Protein backbone atom coordinates (compact mmCIF):
# COMPACT_ATOMS: atom_id res chain seq x y z
CA MET A 1 5.25 -25.29 -27.24
CA GLU A 2 2.01 -25.53 -25.25
CA LYS A 3 1.82 -23.03 -22.41
CA ARG A 4 1.57 -24.66 -19.02
CA LYS A 5 -1.72 -23.91 -17.33
CA VAL A 6 -1.47 -21.99 -14.05
CA PRO A 7 -3.69 -23.43 -11.28
CA PRO A 8 -6.49 -21.20 -9.99
CA LEU A 9 -6.04 -18.76 -7.15
CA PRO A 10 -7.67 -19.75 -3.86
CA PRO A 11 -11.38 -18.86 -3.62
CA GLY A 12 -12.42 -15.51 -2.20
CA PRO A 13 -14.95 -12.69 -2.44
CA LEU A 14 -15.56 -11.02 -5.80
CA PRO A 15 -13.17 -8.09 -6.25
CA ILE A 16 -14.04 -4.53 -7.13
CA PRO A 17 -11.93 -3.39 -10.13
CA LEU A 18 -8.61 -1.83 -9.05
CA ILE A 19 -9.56 -1.60 -5.35
CA GLY A 20 -9.87 -5.35 -4.72
CA ASN A 21 -11.79 -7.28 -2.06
CA ILE A 22 -12.28 -4.72 0.71
CA ARG A 23 -16.07 -4.55 0.67
CA GLY A 24 -17.45 -5.53 4.06
CA VAL A 25 -14.06 -5.45 5.79
CA ASP A 26 -13.89 -3.34 8.95
CA ILE A 27 -10.46 -1.77 8.69
CA ASN A 28 -10.26 -1.67 12.50
CA ALA A 29 -10.93 -5.41 12.88
CA PRO A 30 -10.30 -7.11 9.51
CA TRP A 31 -9.85 -10.53 11.18
CA LEU A 32 -13.61 -10.69 11.76
CA ALA A 33 -14.37 -10.43 8.03
CA TYR A 34 -11.53 -12.82 7.20
CA THR A 35 -13.01 -15.35 9.63
CA GLU A 36 -16.41 -15.08 7.93
CA TRP A 37 -14.70 -15.53 4.57
CA GLY A 38 -13.14 -18.70 5.95
CA LYS A 39 -16.58 -20.10 6.76
CA GLN A 40 -17.69 -19.36 3.21
CA TYR A 41 -14.58 -20.08 1.12
CA GLY A 42 -12.41 -22.38 3.23
CA ASP A 43 -9.16 -22.43 5.16
CA ILE A 44 -7.21 -20.54 2.50
CA VAL A 45 -8.76 -17.42 0.95
CA TYR A 46 -7.55 -15.08 -1.78
CA SER A 47 -7.99 -11.35 -1.55
CA SER A 48 -6.34 -8.31 -3.07
CA LEU A 49 -5.95 -4.63 -2.36
CA PHE A 50 -4.74 -2.22 -5.04
CA GLY A 51 -3.18 -5.12 -6.95
CA GLN A 52 -1.39 -6.64 -3.96
CA HIS A 53 -2.07 -10.39 -3.65
CA ILE A 54 -3.22 -11.35 -0.13
CA ILE A 55 -3.55 -14.95 1.04
CA VAL A 56 -5.50 -15.35 4.29
CA ILE A 57 -4.88 -18.57 6.24
CA ASN A 58 -7.78 -19.45 8.52
CA SER A 59 -6.61 -22.75 10.02
CA GLU A 60 -3.64 -24.04 12.00
CA LYS A 61 -3.33 -26.99 9.62
CA VAL A 62 -2.70 -24.76 6.59
CA ALA A 63 -0.46 -22.41 8.60
CA ILE A 64 1.73 -25.36 9.63
CA GLU A 65 1.77 -26.81 6.10
CA LEU A 66 2.88 -23.53 4.53
CA LEU A 67 4.63 -21.38 7.15
CA GLU A 68 6.45 -24.21 8.93
CA LYS A 69 6.85 -27.15 6.56
CA ARG A 70 7.58 -24.80 3.63
CA SER A 71 9.32 -22.14 5.71
CA TYR A 72 12.01 -21.80 3.02
CA ASN A 73 9.36 -20.04 0.91
CA TYR A 74 7.29 -18.25 3.57
CA SER A 75 9.79 -16.72 5.99
CA ASP A 76 9.93 -13.35 4.27
CA ARG A 77 7.97 -10.24 5.30
CA PRO A 78 6.05 -7.93 2.96
CA ASP A 79 7.85 -4.82 1.82
CA LEU A 80 6.03 -2.19 3.88
CA PRO A 81 7.28 1.33 3.11
CA THR A 82 5.67 2.66 6.29
CA ASN A 83 8.21 0.68 8.37
CA ALA A 84 11.11 2.73 7.04
CA LEU A 85 9.01 5.91 7.02
CA PHE A 86 8.42 5.56 10.77
CA GLY A 87 12.00 4.52 11.49
CA PHE A 88 11.19 0.85 12.13
CA GLY A 89 13.40 -0.52 9.36
CA PHE A 90 15.72 -1.88 12.08
CA ASN A 91 13.00 -4.04 13.67
CA THR A 92 13.87 -7.74 13.49
CA ILE A 93 10.22 -8.79 13.59
CA LEU A 94 9.21 -6.66 10.59
CA MET A 95 12.47 -7.11 8.63
CA ARG A 96 12.72 -8.88 5.29
CA TYR A 97 14.32 -12.34 5.41
CA GLY A 98 18.05 -12.24 4.74
CA ALA A 99 21.56 -11.91 6.20
CA ARG A 100 20.75 -8.88 8.36
CA TRP A 101 17.76 -10.67 9.87
CA ARG A 102 19.82 -13.82 10.52
CA ARG A 103 22.52 -11.82 12.36
CA GLN A 104 19.94 -10.24 14.63
CA ARG A 105 18.13 -13.53 15.11
CA GLY A 106 21.41 -15.07 16.30
CA ILE A 107 21.74 -12.46 19.06
CA PHE A 108 18.12 -13.10 20.09
CA HIS A 109 18.76 -16.83 20.20
CA GLN A 110 21.81 -16.43 22.43
CA ALA A 111 19.87 -14.25 24.88
CA PHE A 112 16.42 -15.87 24.97
CA ARG A 113 16.60 -19.52 23.91
CA ALA A 114 14.97 -21.93 26.38
CA GLU A 115 18.16 -22.67 28.38
CA ALA A 116 19.29 -19.03 28.47
CA ALA A 117 15.85 -17.82 29.60
CA LEU A 118 16.25 -19.69 32.90
CA CYS A 119 18.86 -17.21 34.15
CA TYR A 120 16.29 -14.38 34.19
CA ARG A 121 13.94 -16.09 36.64
CA PRO A 122 15.22 -14.50 39.88
CA MET A 123 14.82 -11.06 38.27
CA GLN A 124 11.35 -11.92 36.95
CA ARG A 125 10.25 -13.05 40.41
CA ARG A 126 11.61 -9.84 41.95
CA LYS A 127 9.73 -7.74 39.39
CA ALA A 128 6.51 -9.69 40.09
CA GLU A 129 6.89 -8.92 43.79
CA GLN A 130 7.24 -5.24 42.93
CA LEU A 131 4.11 -5.48 40.77
CA ILE A 132 2.19 -6.82 43.79
CA ARG A 133 3.45 -4.00 46.03
CA ASP A 134 2.47 -1.40 43.44
CA MET A 135 -1.00 -2.94 43.06
CA LEU A 136 -1.49 -2.97 46.84
CA ASP A 137 -0.53 0.71 47.05
CA ALA A 138 -2.79 1.87 44.20
CA PRO A 139 -4.98 -0.87 42.67
CA GLU A 140 -6.90 1.68 40.59
CA LYS A 141 -3.70 2.29 38.59
CA PHE A 142 -3.44 -1.37 37.61
CA LEU A 143 -2.93 -0.61 33.91
CA ASN A 144 0.11 1.51 34.72
CA HIS A 145 1.49 -1.13 37.09
CA VAL A 146 1.18 -3.87 34.49
CA HIS A 147 2.91 -1.66 31.94
CA VAL A 148 5.75 -0.88 34.37
CA PHE A 149 6.19 -4.60 35.14
CA SER A 150 6.30 -5.54 31.45
CA SER A 151 8.77 -2.78 30.62
CA SER A 152 11.03 -3.30 33.61
CA VAL A 153 11.40 -7.05 33.06
CA ILE A 154 12.63 -6.70 29.49
CA MET A 155 14.73 -3.59 30.21
CA SER A 156 16.55 -5.57 32.89
CA ALA A 157 17.07 -8.57 30.58
CA SER A 158 18.18 -6.45 27.62
CA TYR A 159 20.23 -3.71 29.28
CA ASP A 160 20.47 -4.54 33.01
CA TYR A 161 18.58 -1.27 33.41
CA GLU A 162 16.42 -0.77 36.51
CA THR A 163 13.36 1.25 35.55
CA LYS A 164 11.86 3.78 37.91
CA HIS A 165 8.28 4.98 38.28
CA ASP A 166 7.52 7.45 35.49
CA ASP A 167 10.81 6.44 33.88
CA PRO A 168 11.39 8.87 30.97
CA LEU A 169 12.97 6.18 28.81
CA VAL A 170 10.04 3.80 29.28
CA LYS A 171 7.62 6.65 28.55
CA LEU A 172 9.50 7.51 25.36
CA ILE A 173 9.47 3.93 24.08
CA GLY A 174 5.82 3.49 25.08
CA LYS A 175 4.83 6.53 22.98
CA SER A 176 6.75 5.18 20.00
CA LEU A 177 5.11 1.76 20.27
CA ARG A 178 1.57 3.14 20.58
CA LEU A 179 2.13 5.19 17.46
CA ALA A 180 3.54 2.19 15.58
CA VAL A 181 0.70 -0.14 16.59
CA GLN A 182 -1.83 2.32 15.22
CA GLU A 183 -0.08 3.28 12.00
CA LEU A 184 2.04 0.33 10.77
CA ARG A 185 -0.86 -1.78 9.54
CA PRO A 186 -0.31 -3.69 6.26
CA GLU A 187 -3.47 -2.19 4.77
CA VAL A 188 -2.07 1.34 5.21
CA ALA A 189 1.28 0.29 3.74
CA THR A 190 -0.44 -1.29 0.74
CA VAL A 191 -1.87 2.10 -0.23
CA PHE A 192 1.67 3.56 -0.30
CA ASN A 193 2.94 0.56 -2.25
CA ALA A 194 0.23 1.09 -4.85
CA PHE A 195 0.67 4.87 -5.00
CA PRO A 196 4.35 5.56 -4.13
CA ILE A 197 3.93 9.19 -5.20
CA LEU A 198 2.11 9.72 -1.88
CA LEU A 199 5.41 9.24 -0.06
CA ARG A 200 6.78 12.30 -1.85
CA LEU A 201 3.99 14.59 -0.65
CA PRO A 202 4.99 16.99 2.15
CA ALA A 203 3.69 16.50 5.70
CA TRP A 204 1.58 19.69 5.46
CA PHE A 205 -0.36 18.35 2.46
CA PRO A 206 -4.02 17.59 3.32
CA GLY A 207 -4.44 13.96 4.37
CA MET A 208 -0.72 13.45 5.02
CA SER A 209 -0.78 13.72 8.82
CA LEU A 210 0.82 10.28 8.73
CA LYS A 211 4.09 11.91 7.65
CA LYS A 212 3.99 14.30 10.62
CA LYS A 213 3.62 11.32 12.91
CA ALA A 214 6.46 9.58 11.09
CA ILE A 215 8.84 12.52 11.71
CA GLN A 216 8.06 12.33 15.43
CA SER A 217 8.44 8.55 15.41
CA ARG A 218 11.92 8.68 13.85
CA GLU A 219 13.05 11.22 16.45
CA TRP A 220 11.80 9.06 19.33
CA LEU A 221 13.31 5.92 17.85
CA GLY A 222 16.72 7.52 17.60
CA GLU A 223 16.69 8.07 21.37
CA TRP A 224 15.19 4.60 21.99
CA MET A 225 18.04 2.99 20.06
CA HIS A 226 20.85 5.08 21.52
CA ASP A 227 20.15 5.91 25.19
CA PRO A 228 19.84 2.46 26.85
CA PHE A 229 22.71 1.10 24.75
CA GLN A 230 24.87 4.01 25.87
CA TYR A 231 23.94 3.16 29.45
CA VAL A 232 25.41 -0.34 29.00
CA LEU A 233 28.61 1.08 27.46
CA GLU A 234 29.05 3.44 30.42
CA ARG A 235 28.45 0.64 32.93
CA THR A 236 30.94 -1.54 31.05
CA ALA A 237 33.59 1.19 31.13
CA GLU A 238 33.05 1.54 34.89
CA GLY A 239 33.31 -2.22 35.39
CA LYS A 240 29.73 -2.36 36.69
CA ALA A 241 28.00 -4.10 33.76
CA GLN A 242 25.96 -7.14 34.81
CA SER A 243 24.77 -9.93 32.53
CA SER A 244 22.27 -8.72 29.92
CA MET A 245 21.47 -9.23 26.24
CA VAL A 246 23.65 -6.27 25.24
CA SER A 247 26.59 -6.74 27.64
CA ASN A 248 26.80 -10.46 26.82
CA ALA A 249 26.73 -9.77 23.08
CA LEU A 250 29.52 -7.17 23.49
CA ARG A 251 31.51 -9.64 25.58
CA ARG A 252 31.25 -12.30 22.87
CA ILE A 253 32.87 -10.06 20.28
CA GLY A 254 35.58 -9.20 22.81
CA GLY A 255 36.33 -5.59 21.94
CA LYS A 256 36.90 -6.40 18.25
CA GLU A 257 33.56 -4.99 17.22
CA THR A 258 32.90 -3.26 13.93
CA SER A 259 30.30 -0.58 13.44
CA ASP A 260 28.06 -3.18 11.75
CA GLU A 261 28.28 -5.48 14.78
CA ILE A 262 27.46 -2.63 17.16
CA THR A 263 24.48 -1.64 15.02
CA THR A 264 23.23 -5.23 14.98
CA ILE A 265 23.36 -5.44 18.78
CA LYS A 266 21.66 -2.06 19.20
CA GLU A 267 18.89 -2.99 16.76
CA SER A 268 18.34 -6.42 18.30
CA ALA A 269 18.05 -5.03 21.83
CA ALA A 270 15.70 -2.26 20.73
CA THR A 271 13.51 -4.84 18.99
CA ALA A 272 13.52 -7.06 22.10
CA PHE A 273 12.34 -4.24 24.31
CA GLY A 274 9.60 -3.15 21.93
CA ALA A 275 8.27 -6.64 21.35
CA ALA A 276 8.38 -7.99 24.91
CA SER A 277 7.13 -4.90 26.74
CA GLU A 278 4.14 -4.48 24.43
CA THR A 279 3.05 -8.12 24.24
CA THR A 280 3.46 -8.91 27.95
CA ASP A 281 1.57 -5.75 28.88
CA LEU A 282 -1.36 -6.46 26.54
CA ILE A 283 -1.64 -10.15 27.49
CA LEU A 284 -1.82 -9.24 31.19
CA GLN A 285 -4.55 -6.72 30.37
CA VAL A 286 -6.52 -9.49 28.66
CA PHE A 287 -5.94 -11.77 31.67
CA ILE A 288 -7.33 -9.22 34.14
CA LEU A 289 -10.39 -8.61 31.94
CA ALA A 290 -11.02 -12.37 31.77
CA MET A 291 -10.81 -12.66 35.57
CA VAL A 292 -13.36 -9.85 35.96
CA LEU A 293 -15.76 -11.52 33.51
CA PHE A 294 -15.24 -15.12 34.67
CA PRO A 295 -14.82 -15.00 38.47
CA GLU A 296 -15.29 -18.76 38.86
CA VAL A 297 -11.83 -19.24 37.33
CA GLN A 298 -10.28 -17.16 40.11
CA VAL A 299 -11.99 -19.22 42.79
CA LYS A 300 -10.61 -22.46 41.39
CA ALA A 301 -7.13 -20.98 40.93
CA ARG A 302 -6.95 -19.53 44.44
CA THR A 303 -8.09 -22.79 46.02
CA LEU A 304 -5.22 -24.57 44.28
CA ILE A 305 -2.68 -21.85 45.08
CA ASP A 306 -3.61 -21.86 48.77
CA ALA A 307 -3.29 -25.65 48.92
CA VAL A 308 0.14 -25.68 47.23
CA VAL A 309 1.71 -22.41 48.39
CA GLY A 310 0.01 -21.73 51.72
CA ALA A 311 -1.01 -18.32 53.03
CA SER A 312 2.32 -16.63 53.71
CA ARG A 313 4.20 -16.38 50.42
CA LEU A 314 3.89 -15.87 46.68
CA PRO A 315 4.29 -18.73 44.19
CA THR A 316 7.75 -19.37 42.79
CA PHE A 317 8.87 -21.13 39.64
CA GLU A 318 9.56 -24.21 41.77
CA ASP A 319 5.79 -24.43 42.39
CA ARG A 320 4.92 -24.38 38.69
CA SER A 321 4.67 -28.12 38.18
CA SER A 322 2.14 -28.29 41.03
CA LEU A 323 0.08 -25.37 39.69
CA GLN A 324 -0.81 -26.61 36.22
CA TYR A 325 -4.18 -24.87 36.35
CA ILE A 326 -2.31 -21.53 36.29
CA ASP A 327 -0.59 -22.66 33.08
CA ALA A 328 -4.03 -23.54 31.71
CA ILE A 329 -5.23 -20.00 32.56
CA LEU A 330 -2.21 -18.55 30.74
CA ARG A 331 -2.86 -20.66 27.64
CA GLU A 332 -6.55 -19.76 27.66
CA THR A 333 -5.63 -16.07 27.94
CA LEU A 334 -3.53 -16.42 24.77
CA ARG A 335 -6.38 -18.23 23.00
CA TRP A 336 -9.47 -16.38 24.25
CA HIS A 337 -8.58 -13.00 22.77
CA PRO A 338 -5.21 -13.06 20.95
CA ILE A 339 -3.49 -9.69 21.06
CA LEU A 340 -2.10 -10.21 17.54
CA PRO A 341 -5.26 -11.47 15.81
CA LEU A 342 -3.55 -11.47 12.41
CA SER A 343 -0.09 -12.31 13.75
CA ILE A 344 2.61 -10.57 11.66
CA PRO A 345 2.16 -11.09 7.90
CA HIS A 346 4.55 -13.33 5.96
CA ALA A 347 5.38 -13.06 2.26
CA SER A 348 6.00 -15.74 -0.38
CA VAL A 349 9.51 -15.73 -1.84
CA ASP A 350 8.44 -17.68 -4.95
CA SER A 351 5.14 -18.78 -6.43
CA ASP A 352 3.76 -21.99 -4.98
CA VAL A 353 0.88 -24.43 -5.33
CA TYR A 354 -1.05 -25.73 -2.33
CA GLU A 355 -4.00 -28.12 -2.51
CA GLY A 356 -4.36 -27.23 -6.20
CA TYR A 357 -4.38 -23.46 -5.58
CA TYR A 358 -1.82 -21.01 -6.93
CA ILE A 359 -0.03 -18.69 -4.48
CA PRO A 360 1.76 -15.90 -6.39
CA LYS A 361 5.31 -14.80 -5.70
CA GLY A 362 5.37 -11.81 -3.36
CA ALA A 363 1.91 -12.45 -1.95
CA VAL A 364 1.19 -11.16 1.55
CA VAL A 365 0.34 -14.25 3.60
CA VAL A 366 -1.82 -13.46 6.64
CA PRO A 367 -2.20 -16.06 9.42
CA ASN A 368 -5.66 -15.35 10.87
CA VAL A 369 -4.88 -16.33 14.45
CA TRP A 370 -8.31 -15.06 15.48
CA ALA A 371 -10.03 -17.68 13.30
CA MET A 372 -7.70 -20.39 14.63
CA SER A 373 -8.33 -19.43 18.25
CA GLN A 374 -12.11 -19.32 17.73
CA ASN A 375 -12.28 -22.67 15.90
CA GLU A 376 -15.41 -24.27 17.38
CA GLN A 377 -14.32 -27.78 16.39
CA LYS A 378 -11.14 -27.48 18.46
CA TYR A 379 -12.42 -25.02 21.08
CA PRO A 380 -16.17 -25.53 21.68
CA ASN A 381 -17.98 -22.37 22.85
CA PRO A 382 -14.86 -20.29 22.07
CA SER A 383 -16.13 -17.05 23.62
CA GLN A 384 -16.18 -18.77 27.03
CA PHE A 385 -12.97 -18.45 29.08
CA SER A 386 -12.34 -22.06 30.03
CA PRO A 387 -8.83 -23.10 31.16
CA GLU A 388 -10.07 -26.69 31.40
CA ARG A 389 -9.61 -26.93 27.62
CA PHE A 390 -5.91 -27.41 28.29
CA LEU A 391 -6.20 -30.09 30.99
CA ASP A 392 -6.80 -33.82 30.75
CA ALA A 393 -9.11 -35.82 33.02
CA ASP A 394 -6.38 -36.00 35.69
CA GLY A 395 -5.83 -32.24 35.73
CA ASN A 396 -2.55 -32.39 33.84
CA LEU A 397 -1.71 -30.09 30.94
CA ASN A 398 -2.38 -31.46 27.46
CA ASP A 399 -0.20 -30.96 24.37
CA ASP A 400 -1.93 -27.78 23.12
CA THR A 401 0.54 -25.00 23.91
CA VAL A 402 -1.29 -22.36 21.79
CA ASN A 403 1.87 -21.91 19.70
CA MET A 404 -0.14 -19.95 17.12
CA ALA A 405 0.00 -16.97 19.51
CA PHE A 406 3.80 -16.83 19.06
CA GLY A 407 3.96 -16.96 15.26
CA PHE A 408 5.01 -19.65 12.81
CA GLY A 409 8.05 -21.33 11.28
CA ARG A 410 11.35 -19.48 11.26
CA ARG A 411 9.50 -16.35 12.34
CA ILE A 412 8.22 -17.80 15.62
CA CYS A 413 8.96 -15.55 18.59
CA VAL A 414 12.44 -16.37 19.94
CA GLY A 415 11.54 -14.74 23.25
CA ARG A 416 8.51 -16.94 23.89
CA HIS A 417 10.23 -18.84 26.74
CA PHE A 418 11.18 -15.59 28.45
CA GLY A 419 7.71 -14.13 27.87
CA ASP A 420 6.02 -17.28 29.13
CA ALA A 421 7.96 -17.09 32.41
CA SER A 422 7.18 -13.37 32.88
CA LEU A 423 3.49 -14.00 32.31
CA TRP A 424 3.32 -17.08 34.56
CA ILE A 425 4.98 -15.44 37.56
CA ALA A 426 2.84 -12.30 37.19
CA ILE A 427 -0.45 -14.20 36.76
CA SER A 428 0.20 -16.62 39.63
CA SER A 429 1.21 -13.74 41.93
CA LEU A 430 -1.81 -11.60 41.04
CA LEU A 431 -4.20 -14.49 41.62
CA THR A 432 -2.58 -15.18 44.99
CA VAL A 433 -3.09 -11.67 46.35
CA PHE A 434 -6.05 -10.07 44.57
CA THR A 435 -9.69 -10.59 43.68
CA PHE A 436 -10.78 -9.06 40.36
CA SER A 437 -14.47 -8.21 40.02
CA LYS A 438 -17.02 -5.98 38.35
CA ARG A 439 -17.50 -2.64 40.04
CA ILE A 440 -20.50 -2.00 42.28
CA GLY A 441 -22.39 1.20 41.45
CA ALA A 442 -23.74 3.82 43.87
CA ASP A 443 -27.10 2.01 43.81
CA GLY A 444 -25.46 -1.16 45.07
CA GLU A 445 -25.89 -2.94 41.75
CA VAL A 446 -23.13 -4.56 39.72
CA ILE A 447 -22.06 -2.45 36.74
CA ASP A 448 -22.25 -4.70 33.70
CA PHE A 449 -20.30 -3.83 30.56
CA GLU A 450 -19.55 -5.17 27.11
CA PRO A 451 -15.79 -5.34 26.49
CA ARG A 452 -14.49 -3.04 23.77
CA TRP A 453 -11.14 -3.38 22.04
CA SER A 454 -8.53 -1.13 20.50
CA SER A 455 -7.57 -1.38 16.84
CA GLY A 456 -4.20 -1.76 15.14
CA ILE A 457 -1.64 -4.54 14.71
CA ALA A 458 -1.81 -5.43 18.42
CA ILE A 459 -5.04 -4.98 20.36
CA HIS A 460 -6.01 -4.64 24.01
CA PRO A 461 -9.18 -4.06 26.06
CA LEU A 462 -10.34 -0.47 26.28
CA PRO A 463 -10.91 0.84 29.85
CA TYR A 464 -13.78 -0.81 31.74
CA PRO A 465 -15.19 -0.54 35.29
CA CYS A 466 -13.66 -3.06 37.70
CA SER A 467 -12.56 -3.49 41.30
CA ILE A 468 -9.27 -5.00 42.43
CA THR A 469 -9.25 -5.87 46.12
CA PRO A 470 -6.56 -7.56 48.23
CA ARG A 471 -7.39 -10.90 49.77
CA LEU A 472 -7.14 -11.31 53.54
CA ARG A 473 -3.78 -13.03 53.61
CA LYS A 474 -0.28 -12.07 54.68
CA VAL A 475 2.23 -12.46 51.86
CA THR A 476 5.94 -11.90 52.37
């Protein structure tokens, strides 16, 4: 019988034997090289690293065709041994597709679907008001205030837990997340996949500092998983538990819980906190940087806010339909510098053929959100921060909701409606009360700077000189 011919792999750079296609890739910002590959080879590019097949998707069109329309085959995650090593095997976002993931996803859906997300709005508004008070008291600590806002909003939604300044629990989880963002990169995991013997080396072995960090991470994660959940159980026993992701999930199983159900709830809530606190924090950091660099956007936003809201209060969600330019600013913040430039990698369950190209079973499929967000055909002059991209001639929002920032297919962020509301109320409140600008030096001249960015799975602006000054208005 004649052997069926396998279609060719997608085009890509010439590999180096064994190592693969890593030449010219900055490990701290691989999306830049992948974007250049896209210009040379097309919207779908093949790469490899130590024998691991990697498919890079450089366009929304291909991402939708594969990750959404063929989600049955592309909803898995790569098997990354570093996830378990660092104690993140519980994380819904990084978990392989299957029954455990579906159980957790169901709890997420109950807590954060579009209709359910509406119930959190009074709390989100209250937290935004606290953010403004904190910024007024100490504007130079804006990074800390943004982090506290992002953490407190999701801690309240997940556990009905009111965070305090310098909250030890928030500090603990923040340390764990920073470590994970730096170390849980697919490229690092691929090395361990290719050479599993490395996982058996002791932490003291030269070059194995990663294992020391992993020991610390697992210890922190144990507390992260247990302590806030225990807080809900104690409040429930005292009859004081208010509505939250955890208390509502416990109520639904009505005291008939099994250990597996308890574990599922604990893992889901821990994932929710980690995901929402980190992403909201980083997006607000990008927003503030954009306002410093593009002050004309602030002027336009404040003129609109003053006309709609007046001079004596902060915006509310009821004002949102009249403040569509603020939505446009939020969408442009997501597009201008996505905090997850390579999203979270998918994996192919079975081999597939797309546009005549072969995609092997088990391939790591990387949506290059950076390339999509910088697509000059869709977003002319992409380095410019221009909210007008998302408005029609009448000033109304268009259909581009920048969904690529939230993931694709069955793996799209369930909490996007909750996150969107947190971001909108924070951004509209900050624009109402503050002016963000470049710092003036001792010589009276503006201090110019070139933005620099962190590395890792999720990225954020590195510290830069800026001034945050209150506007002359009385807000109650």
